[in-house]
Amino acid sequence: MNILVLNGSPAGTNSITLQTVNYIEKFFPEQHFDVLHVGQRIKSMEKDFALCAQALAAADLILFCYPVYTFLAPAQLHRFIELMKEKGPDLTGKFAAQITTSKHFYDVTAHRFIEDNCRDLGLVCLQGLSADMDDLLTEKGQKQALDYFRFLLWQTGEPADAAPEKDPAAVAPAKEPADAAPAKTQDGRVVIVTDAAPDDAELQAMIARFTARMPRPTDVVNLREFSFAGGCLGCFRCAADGTCVYKDGFDTFLRTRIQTADATVYAYRIKDHSMGSLFKTYDDRQFCNGHRTVTMGKPVAYLVAGGLAAEPNLQLLMESRAQVGGNFLAGIAVSTDVPEAVDRTADTLEYAIAHQLQLPANFYGVGGLKIFRDLIYQMQGLMREDHRFYKSHGFYDDFPQKRKGRIAAMYLVGGMMKNKKLRKKMGNKMTEGMMLPYQKIMKKAEKERGRS
């Protein structure tokens, strides 16, 4: 596959974001990567766009690669998108994705900006990777980068030849809807939590289609069949020992029927711009689990009946809920979409389960979880179960005051930058120096690829 990388960083080859692409490229030599240094050479591209147009026309996948600048992509990449619309070829039907690095401050708005412009150009938008600037320097970040690219290839229908030995076999994306229910061949279980009314034929049909499509057992749990004693009272009883003051059996119901599944699907009809009061009762009764992300690492999906396109706040809620919970959002199938949207959501969920797919959290996930982390740390005397959970999962390990070495190094660099003579002598050495740890990672990747 011909992959055109649009490097939107003004740092050019010294872009930290580009290092993620360089790292991926070493493990996927069968894919052809071509890089346009858009951020560094935008002035020359304004004068002559011909070579850029040729590269765009030849690409199967256009990969936007950029650091997040002030809520969005850099101005140079903005200008290139303008040139794509003014002078570029017809890109209808080609794939587009994005890789960004930032400290997760409004990376979501940057990604939405690229997605909106890709749709203007007729491109098929695929999920992007929102990484921290330092992610590639860790084994976890390196794995997430490769896992993301395998998932990206799967979305395009390309084989992921660089899958690790222990990975399950790749699951092919949906091509045609299933005419008959496939045999349940996979281990594990998916739970569908719904409040579907018996006469809601539209939502019931979506659930039935999803169940037929999944290759592993599905368990449909209808909240209408559970006798809630009442809504959450905010009494904090569950914060102390993990149990609810109500004796209606909700704790057991939640932990045995729902949280034991490998993935959760929420199926509901939009009511009053939300999921409705019954679903809200279910959510509120999980008060402690809103802090303790007990299903972390397990993917989620949604089946929604109604006009979700007109409900941006509800869309935000669903994405944020998955992000803060550490759950990969496999898809949101809406009744107003084509029926095959349910199939794509089921296939993506199956891929996420089979490959234990976990990608970096974006601004919603990182920011939301840190707010909870700081709150729980201060309230640990009361919220003991939460504190125990956060401590055992290492949520306190990234307190900034613990990174004394980095703080000291920044004092040193800051002092050097204040000296005019040193600053002039350093010139462009700052960005070159930032590349040193990434160069070590690239050499390590070459050795690992050579052994495989």
Protein backbone atom coordinates (compact mmCIF):
# COMPACT_ATOMS: atom_id res chain seq x y z
CA MET A 1 0.00 0.00 0.00
CA ASN A 2 1.25 3.49 -0.87
CA ILE A 3 1.17 5.62 2.29
CA LEU A 4 1.71 9.35 1.90
CA VAL A 5 2.84 10.95 5.17
CA LEU A 6 2.03 14.66 5.42
CA ASN A 7 4.53 15.84 8.02
CA GLY A 8 3.00 19.03 9.35
CA SER A 9 5.80 19.82 11.80
CA PRO A 10 7.98 22.85 10.98
CA ALA A 11 10.89 20.84 12.45
CA GLY A 12 10.94 18.60 9.35
CA THR A 13 13.00 15.43 9.92
CA ASN A 14 13.56 16.51 13.53
CA SER A 15 9.86 16.20 14.26
CA ILE A 16 9.12 14.06 17.32
CA THR A 17 5.79 13.04 15.78
CA LEU A 18 7.55 11.79 12.65
CA GLN A 19 9.64 9.44 14.79
CA THR A 20 6.52 7.36 15.47
CA VAL A 21 6.04 6.93 11.72
CA ASN A 22 9.74 6.11 11.29
CA TYR A 23 9.46 3.50 14.03
CA ILE A 24 6.40 1.90 12.46
CA GLU A 25 8.04 1.86 9.03
CA LYS A 26 10.90 -0.33 10.32
CA PHE A 27 8.45 -3.09 11.28
CA PHE A 28 6.35 -2.92 8.10
CA PRO A 29 8.85 -2.95 5.21
CA GLU A 30 6.18 -4.32 2.86
CA GLN A 31 4.35 -0.97 3.05
CA HIS A 32 5.65 1.96 0.98
CA PHE A 33 6.00 5.23 2.92
CA ASP A 34 6.52 8.55 1.15
CA VAL A 35 6.97 11.72 3.23
CA LEU A 36 6.10 15.30 2.29
CA HIS A 37 7.60 17.80 4.75
CA VAL A 38 4.60 20.10 4.57
CA GLY A 39 5.33 22.08 7.70
CA GLN A 40 8.89 22.90 6.66
CA ARG A 41 8.42 23.50 2.94
CA ILE A 42 4.97 25.08 2.70
CA LYS A 43 6.28 28.24 0.99
CA SER A 44 7.78 26.31 -1.92
CA MET A 45 4.62 24.19 -2.15
CA GLU A 46 2.53 27.35 -2.49
CA LYS A 47 4.62 28.27 -5.54
CA ASP A 48 4.53 24.83 -7.15
CA PHE A 49 2.02 22.21 -6.01
CA ALA A 50 2.51 19.82 -8.94
CA LEU A 51 4.69 17.23 -7.16
CA CYS A 52 2.41 17.29 -4.13
CA ALA A 53 -0.61 16.70 -6.36
CA GLN A 54 1.12 13.72 -7.97
CA ALA A 55 1.98 12.25 -4.56
CA LEU A 56 -1.60 12.67 -3.36
CA ALA A 57 -2.96 11.02 -6.50
CA ALA A 58 -0.63 8.03 -6.08
CA ALA A 59 -1.45 7.48 -2.39
CA ASP A 60 -3.76 4.75 -1.09
CA LEU A 61 -3.61 6.14 2.45
CA ILE A 62 -2.93 9.76 3.41
CA LEU A 63 -1.44 9.91 6.90
CA PHE A 64 -1.48 13.32 8.57
CA CYS A 65 1.45 13.50 10.98
CA TYR A 66 1.78 16.57 13.18
CA PRO A 67 2.27 17.99 16.69
CA VAL A 68 -0.81 19.60 18.23
CA TYR A 69 -0.37 23.38 18.27
CA THR A 70 -2.84 25.48 20.27
CA PHE A 71 -5.90 23.20 20.07
CA LEU A 72 -5.39 22.38 16.35
CA ALA A 73 -2.85 21.39 13.72
CA PRO A 74 0.04 23.80 12.92
CA ALA A 75 -0.74 26.74 10.63
CA GLN A 76 1.50 25.29 7.91
CA LEU A 77 -0.65 22.17 7.75
CA HIS A 78 -3.76 24.36 7.67
CA ARG A 79 -2.33 26.06 4.60
CA PHE A 80 -1.50 22.74 2.94
CA ILE A 81 -5.10 21.58 3.41
CA GLU A 82 -6.22 24.79 1.70
CA LEU A 83 -3.90 23.96 -1.20
CA MET A 84 -5.27 20.39 -1.33
CA LYS A 85 -8.75 21.82 -1.77
CA GLU A 86 -7.67 24.48 -4.30
CA LYS A 87 -5.11 22.58 -6.40
CA GLY A 88 -5.16 18.93 -5.41
CA PRO A 89 -6.56 15.95 -7.32
CA ASP A 90 -9.85 14.23 -6.59
CA LEU A 91 -9.22 12.14 -3.46
CA THR A 92 -12.69 10.63 -3.17
CA GLY A 93 -12.63 7.15 -1.64
CA LYS A 94 -9.00 7.20 -0.52
CA PHE A 95 -8.21 6.40 3.11
CA ALA A 96 -7.02 9.03 5.60
CA ALA A 97 -5.73 8.75 9.16
CA GLN A 98 -3.58 10.78 11.52
CA ILE A 99 -0.81 10.41 14.06
CA THR A 100 -0.22 13.23 16.54
CA THR A 101 1.96 13.91 19.55
CA SER A 102 1.14 16.34 22.35
CA LYS A 103 0.63 16.43 26.08
CA HIS A 104 -3.01 15.57 25.34
CA PHE A 105 -4.22 19.13 25.73
CA TYR A 106 -7.16 19.33 23.33
CA ASP A 107 -5.78 16.75 20.96
CA VAL A 108 -9.46 15.92 20.37
CA THR A 109 -10.16 19.25 18.64
CA ALA A 110 -7.09 18.83 16.44
CA HIS A 111 -8.26 15.36 15.37
CA ARG A 112 -11.79 16.60 14.69
CA PHE A 113 -10.36 19.40 12.52
CA ILE A 114 -8.47 16.93 10.34
CA GLU A 115 -11.44 14.55 10.15
CA ASP A 116 -13.82 17.35 9.09
CA ASN A 117 -11.47 18.47 6.31
CA CYS A 118 -10.90 14.90 5.16
CA ARG A 119 -14.65 14.47 4.75
CA ASP A 120 -14.74 17.70 2.74
CA LEU A 121 -12.21 16.08 0.40
CA GLY A 122 -14.19 12.86 0.10
CA LEU A 123 -11.63 10.85 2.05
CA VAL A 124 -12.60 7.85 4.17
CA CYS A 125 -11.58 8.79 7.73
CA LEU A 126 -10.04 6.04 9.85
CA GLN A 127 -9.21 6.24 13.54
CA GLY A 128 -6.06 8.16 14.43
CA LEU A 129 -3.37 7.74 17.08
CA SER A 130 -3.08 10.43 19.76
CA ALA A 131 0.23 9.81 21.52
CA ASP A 132 2.06 11.60 24.27
CA MET A 133 5.34 13.21 23.19
CA ASP A 134 7.30 10.69 25.27
CA ASP A 135 5.27 7.56 24.47
CA LEU A 136 7.70 6.21 21.88
CA LEU A 137 10.48 6.19 24.48
CA THR A 138 8.61 3.53 26.48
CA GLU A 139 7.94 -0.12 25.65
CA LYS A 140 4.23 0.45 26.20
CA GLY A 141 4.20 3.36 23.75
CA GLN A 142 6.17 1.37 21.16
CA LYS A 143 3.69 -1.50 21.42
CA GLN A 144 0.74 0.88 21.13
CA ALA A 145 2.23 2.44 17.98
CA LEU A 146 2.61 -0.97 16.31
CA ASP A 147 -0.78 -2.16 17.55
CA TYR A 148 -2.36 0.98 16.15
CA PHE A 149 -0.79 0.49 12.73
CA ARG A 150 -1.93 -3.14 12.58
CA PHE A 151 -5.43 -1.93 13.41
CA LEU A 152 -5.13 0.77 10.74
CA LEU A 153 -4.15 -1.83 8.14
CA TRP A 154 -7.05 -4.04 9.23
CA GLN A 155 -9.44 -1.14 8.69
CA THR A 156 -8.17 -0.72 5.12
CA GLY A 157 -8.38 -4.47 4.44
CA GLU A 158 -4.59 -4.86 4.26
CA PRO A 159 -2.93 -7.88 5.96
CA ALA A 160 -0.97 -6.98 9.11
CA ASP A 161 2.13 -9.03 8.36
CA ALA A 162 4.07 -7.68 11.31
CA ALA A 163 1.72 -9.10 13.96
CA PRO A 164 3.63 -10.47 16.98
CA GLU A 165 3.84 -14.22 17.45
CA LYS A 166 1.46 -14.28 20.41
CA ASP A 167 -1.21 -12.17 18.72
CA PRO A 168 -4.38 -14.01 17.70
CA ALA A 169 -4.99 -14.35 13.99
CA ALA A 170 -6.04 -11.13 12.33
CA VAL A 171 -9.78 -10.65 11.97
CA ALA A 172 -10.78 -9.45 8.50
CA PRO A 173 -13.01 -6.37 8.35
CA ALA A 174 -16.58 -6.69 7.16
CA LYS A 175 -17.09 -6.79 3.41
CA GLU A 176 -20.68 -7.99 3.10
CA PRO A 177 -23.44 -8.43 5.69
CA ALA A 178 -23.90 -11.94 7.02
CA ASP A 179 -26.93 -13.73 5.61
CA ALA A 180 -27.01 -16.22 8.44
CA ALA A 181 -25.79 -16.25 12.00
CA PRO A 182 -22.21 -17.60 12.14
CA ALA A 183 -21.23 -20.29 14.61
CA LYS A 184 -20.01 -18.98 17.96
CA THR A 185 -16.40 -20.07 17.57
CA GLN A 186 -14.57 -17.70 19.95
CA ASP A 187 -14.08 -18.05 23.68
CA GLY A 188 -15.18 -15.29 26.01
CA ARG A 189 -18.41 -13.36 26.21
CA VAL A 190 -19.90 -10.03 25.16
CA VAL A 191 -22.67 -8.46 27.22
CA ILE A 192 -25.27 -6.16 25.64
CA VAL A 193 -26.81 -3.83 28.22
CA THR A 194 -30.08 -2.36 26.99
CA ASP A 195 -33.39 -0.88 28.04
CA ALA A 196 -35.10 -1.84 24.78
CA ALA A 197 -38.87 -1.95 25.02
CA PRO A 198 -40.57 -5.10 23.66
CA ASP A 199 -42.26 -3.06 20.94
CA ASP A 200 -39.10 -1.17 19.88
CA ALA A 201 -38.64 -3.15 16.68
CA GLU A 202 -35.85 -0.89 15.39
CA LEU A 203 -33.58 -1.25 18.42
CA GLN A 204 -34.43 -4.93 18.83
CA ALA A 205 -33.43 -5.52 15.20
CA MET A 206 -30.06 -3.80 15.75
CA ILE A 207 -29.38 -6.00 18.79
CA ALA A 208 -30.36 -9.13 16.87
CA ARG A 209 -28.11 -8.24 13.93
CA PHE A 210 -25.18 -7.47 16.23
CA THR A 211 -25.68 -10.74 18.13
CA ALA A 212 -25.78 -12.71 14.88
CA ARG A 213 -22.60 -11.05 13.65
CA MET A 214 -20.45 -11.64 16.76
CA PRO A 215 -18.42 -14.87 16.60
CA ARG A 216 -18.50 -15.27 20.39
CA PRO A 217 -21.40 -15.74 22.83
CA THR A 218 -23.48 -12.66 23.60
CA ASP A 219 -25.58 -12.10 26.68
CA VAL A 220 -28.40 -9.55 26.39
CA VAL A 221 -29.17 -7.91 29.74
CA ASN A 222 -32.33 -5.79 29.69
CA LEU A 223 -32.44 -3.28 32.52
CA ARG A 224 -36.24 -3.40 32.44
CA GLU A 225 -36.01 -6.84 34.00
CA PHE A 226 -34.04 -5.69 37.04
CA SER A 227 -35.97 -4.33 40.03
CA PHE A 228 -34.00 -1.27 41.14
CA ALA A 229 -34.86 -0.31 44.72
CA GLY A 230 -34.07 3.28 43.78
CA GLY A 231 -31.53 5.67 42.35
CA CYS A 232 -28.14 6.52 43.86
CA LEU A 233 -28.45 8.40 47.17
CA GLY A 234 -24.92 9.82 47.16
CA CYS A 235 -24.35 8.36 50.63
CA PHE A 236 -20.73 7.29 49.93
CA ARG A 237 -21.33 3.85 51.48
CA CYS A 238 -19.76 2.18 48.43
CA ALA A 239 -16.69 4.43 48.75
CA ALA A 240 -15.81 2.85 52.09
CA ASP A 241 -16.30 -0.86 51.47
CA GLY A 242 -17.48 -1.21 47.86
CA THR A 243 -21.05 -2.25 48.69
CA CYS A 244 -24.28 -0.35 48.10
CA VAL A 245 -26.68 0.64 50.87
CA TYR A 246 -29.55 -0.84 48.84
CA LYS A 247 -30.19 -4.56 49.27
CA ASP A 248 -31.70 -5.16 45.84
CA GLY A 249 -28.80 -7.31 44.60
CA PHE A 250 -27.41 -4.74 42.17
CA ASP A 251 -23.81 -5.31 43.31
CA THR A 252 -23.97 -9.01 42.47
CA PHE A 253 -25.92 -8.36 39.28
CA LEU A 254 -23.31 -5.86 38.11
CA ARG A 255 -20.24 -7.91 38.96
CA THR A 256 -21.45 -11.31 37.74
CA ARG A 257 -23.63 -10.50 34.73
CA ILE A 258 -21.84 -7.48 33.28
CA GLN A 259 -18.31 -6.88 34.54
CA THR A 260 -17.23 -10.48 33.91
CA ALA A 261 -17.71 -10.06 30.14
CA ASP A 262 -14.82 -9.38 27.74
CA ALA A 263 -16.62 -6.37 26.26
CA THR A 264 -19.73 -4.31 26.87
CA VAL A 265 -22.22 -3.02 24.31
CA TYR A 266 -24.76 -0.36 25.31
CA ALA A 267 -27.98 -0.39 23.28
CA TYR A 268 -30.58 2.30 23.81
CA ARG A 269 -32.99 4.73 22.17
CA ILE A 270 -32.26 8.44 22.53
CA LYS A 271 -34.67 10.03 25.01
CA ASP A 272 -34.58 13.69 26.02
CA HIS A 273 -31.06 14.13 24.57
CA SER A 274 -29.66 11.26 26.65
CA MET A 275 -29.94 7.53 27.23
CA GLY A 276 -33.06 7.93 29.35
CA SER A 277 -33.76 7.76 33.08
CA LEU A 278 -33.49 3.96 33.41
CA PHE A 279 -29.98 3.91 31.93
CA LYS A 280 -29.07 6.87 34.14
CA THR A 281 -30.24 4.94 37.19
CA TYR A 282 -27.97 2.07 36.11
CA ASP A 283 -25.03 4.46 35.65
CA ASP A 284 -25.59 6.26 38.94
CA ARG A 285 -25.76 3.01 40.87
CA GLN A 286 -22.23 2.32 39.60
CA PHE A 287 -21.06 5.41 41.51
CA CYS A 288 -17.87 3.83 42.82
CA ASN A 289 -17.07 2.30 39.42
CA GLY A 290 -17.10 5.76 37.92
CA HIS A 291 -13.91 6.35 39.91
CA ARG A 292 -12.52 2.83 39.84
CA THR A 293 -12.21 1.92 36.19
CA VAL A 294 -12.74 -1.75 36.98
CA THR A 295 -13.37 -2.68 33.33
CA MET A 296 -10.19 -0.95 32.14
CA GLY A 297 -8.78 -2.58 29.02
CA LYS A 298 -12.12 -4.02 27.95
CA PRO A 299 -13.56 -2.48 24.76
CA VAL A 300 -17.04 -1.00 24.47
CA ALA A 301 -19.47 -0.23 21.64
CA TYR A 302 -22.87 1.39 21.22
CA LEU A 303 -26.06 0.61 19.32
CA VAL A 304 -28.17 3.77 19.21
CA ALA A 305 -31.69 4.23 17.89
CA GLY A 306 -32.52 7.80 16.96
CA GLY A 307 -30.90 10.88 15.45
CA LEU A 308 -27.49 10.88 17.12
CA ALA A 309 -26.06 13.31 14.53
CA ALA A 310 -28.16 16.07 16.12
CA GLU A 311 -26.89 15.25 19.63
CA PRO A 312 -23.24 16.45 19.88
CA ASN A 313 -23.34 16.50 23.69
CA LEU A 314 -24.44 12.87 23.82
CA GLN A 315 -21.68 11.93 21.37
CA LEU A 316 -19.16 13.67 23.61
CA LEU A 317 -20.51 11.84 26.64
CA MET A 318 -20.11 8.43 25.02
CA GLU A 319 -16.55 9.06 23.86
CA SER A 320 -15.50 10.61 27.18
CA ARG A 321 -17.01 7.77 29.16
CA ALA A 322 -14.96 5.24 27.21
CA GLN A 323 -11.80 7.33 27.42
CA VAL A 324 -11.92 7.91 31.19
CA GLY A 325 -12.74 4.24 31.73
CA GLY A 326 -9.75 3.04 29.71
CA ASN A 327 -12.06 1.30 27.24
CA PHE A 328 -11.34 1.22 23.52
CA LEU A 329 -14.42 2.59 21.75
CA ALA A 330 -14.99 0.08 18.96
CA GLY A 331 -17.83 1.96 17.32
CA ILE A 332 -21.21 3.61 17.54
CA ALA A 333 -23.79 2.13 15.18
CA VAL A 334 -26.83 4.37 14.69
CA SER A 335 -30.23 3.35 13.34
CA THR A 336 -30.08 6.17 10.79
CA ASP A 337 -26.91 4.63 9.27
CA VAL A 338 -26.88 1.79 6.77
CA PRO A 339 -27.57 -1.59 8.43
CA GLU A 340 -23.99 -2.65 7.70
CA ALA A 341 -22.83 -0.14 10.33
CA VAL A 342 -23.88 -2.70 12.94
CA ASP A 343 -21.71 -5.31 11.22
CA ARG A 344 -18.69 -2.99 11.14
CA THR A 345 -19.12 -2.22 14.83
CA ALA A 346 -19.35 -5.92 15.69
CA ASP A 347 -16.27 -6.74 13.59
CA THR A 348 -14.25 -3.92 15.14
CA LEU A 349 -15.27 -4.99 18.64
CA GLU A 350 -14.22 -8.55 17.86
CA TYR A 351 -10.85 -7.31 16.59
CA ALA A 352 -10.35 -5.25 19.75
CA ILE A 353 -11.16 -8.24 21.98
CA ALA A 354 -9.02 -10.70 20.04
CA HIS A 355 -6.02 -8.36 19.92
CA GLN A 356 -6.54 -6.83 23.38
CA LEU A 357 -6.36 -3.46 21.65
CA GLN A 358 -5.54 -0.54 23.93
CA LEU A 359 -4.47 2.79 22.47
CA PRO A 360 -3.32 5.95 24.29
CA ALA A 361 -6.08 7.98 25.90
CA ASN A 362 -6.85 11.40 24.44
CA PHE A 363 -7.57 14.68 26.27
CA TYR A 364 -10.90 13.38 27.60
CA GLY A 365 -9.30 10.29 29.10
CA VAL A 366 -6.05 11.78 30.37
CA GLY A 367 -7.62 14.93 31.80
CA GLY A 368 -10.63 13.20 33.30
CA LEU A 369 -8.63 10.47 34.98
CA LYS A 370 -6.11 12.92 36.45
CA ILE A 371 -8.93 14.97 37.97
CA PHE A 372 -10.24 11.81 39.64
CA ARG A 373 -6.71 10.75 40.63
CA ASP A 374 -6.02 14.02 42.45
CA LEU A 375 -9.44 13.93 44.10
CA ILE A 376 -9.08 10.34 45.32
CA TYR A 377 -5.58 11.01 46.62
CA GLN A 378 -6.89 13.87 48.75
CA MET A 379 -9.93 11.87 49.92
CA GLN A 380 -8.16 8.55 50.44
CA GLY A 381 -9.21 8.44 54.11
CA LEU A 382 -12.88 8.28 53.05
CA MET A 383 -12.68 6.66 49.61
CA ARG A 384 -10.56 3.74 50.70
CA GLU A 385 -11.60 1.28 48.03
CA ASP A 386 -10.90 3.86 45.33
CA HIS A 387 -7.51 4.72 46.85
CA ARG A 388 -6.56 1.05 47.02
CA PHE A 389 -7.53 0.61 43.36
CA TYR A 390 -5.61 3.70 42.19
CA LYS A 391 -2.52 2.75 44.17
CA SER A 392 -2.44 -0.85 42.91
CA HIS A 393 -2.81 0.31 39.30
CA GLY A 394 0.00 2.88 39.54
CA PHE A 395 -2.20 5.92 38.95
CA TYR A 396 -0.15 7.92 41.42
CA ASP A 397 3.19 7.07 39.81
CA ASP A 398 3.13 9.97 37.36
CA PHE A 399 2.77 12.77 39.89
CA PRO A 400 4.96 15.52 38.36
CA GLN A 401 6.75 16.26 41.63
CA LYS A 402 8.23 12.75 41.52
CA ARG A 403 10.10 13.49 38.27
CA LYS A 404 12.95 15.37 39.93
CA GLY A 405 15.50 14.52 37.25
CA ARG A 406 13.37 16.00 34.49
CA ILE A 407 12.64 19.11 36.53
CA ALA A 408 16.36 19.66 37.14
CA ALA A 409 17.14 19.15 33.45
CA MET A 410 14.56 21.74 32.44
CA TYR A 411 16.11 24.24 34.86
CA LEU A 412 19.45 23.65 33.14
CA VAL A 413 18.02 24.04 29.63
CA GLY A 414 16.05 27.12 30.68
CA GLY A 415 19.18 28.72 32.07
CA MET A 416 21.05 28.06 28.84
CA MET A 417 18.24 29.51 26.73
CA LYS A 418 18.37 32.77 28.72
CA ASN A 419 22.02 33.27 27.73
CA LYS A 420 22.03 35.10 24.38
CA LYS A 421 25.50 33.87 23.35
CA LEU A 422 24.68 30.24 24.13
CA ARG A 423 21.28 30.55 22.44
CA LYS A 424 22.92 31.88 19.27
CA LYS A 425 25.56 29.16 19.35
CA MET A 426 22.95 26.44 19.84
CA GLY A 427 20.95 27.58 16.81
CA ASN A 428 18.93 24.58 15.65
CA LYS A 429 20.75 22.20 18.03
CA MET A 430 17.75 22.19 20.38
CA THR A 431 15.58 20.11 18.08
CA GLU A 432 18.54 17.94 17.10
CA GLY A 433 19.20 17.24 20.77
CA MET A 434 15.58 16.23 21.25
CA MET A 435 16.12 13.54 18.61
CA LEU A 436 18.89 11.71 20.49
CA PRO A 437 16.67 9.39 22.60
CA TYR A 438 14.55 8.62 19.53
CA GLN A 439 17.64 7.65 17.53
CA LYS A 440 18.37 5.02 20.18
CA ILE A 441 14.85 3.67 19.80
CA MET A 442 15.28 3.45 15.99
CA LYS A 443 18.53 1.48 16.34
CA LYS A 444 16.85 -0.87 18.79
CA ALA A 445 13.94 -1.32 16.36
CA GLU A 446 16.34 -2.22 13.52
CA LYS A 447 17.91 -4.93 15.71
CA GLU A 448 14.51 -6.29 16.74
CA ARG A 449 13.29 -6.34 13.14
CA GLY A 450 16.49 -8.08 12.08
CA ARG A 451 15.93 -10.88 14.60
CA SER A 452 12.32 -11.46 13.53
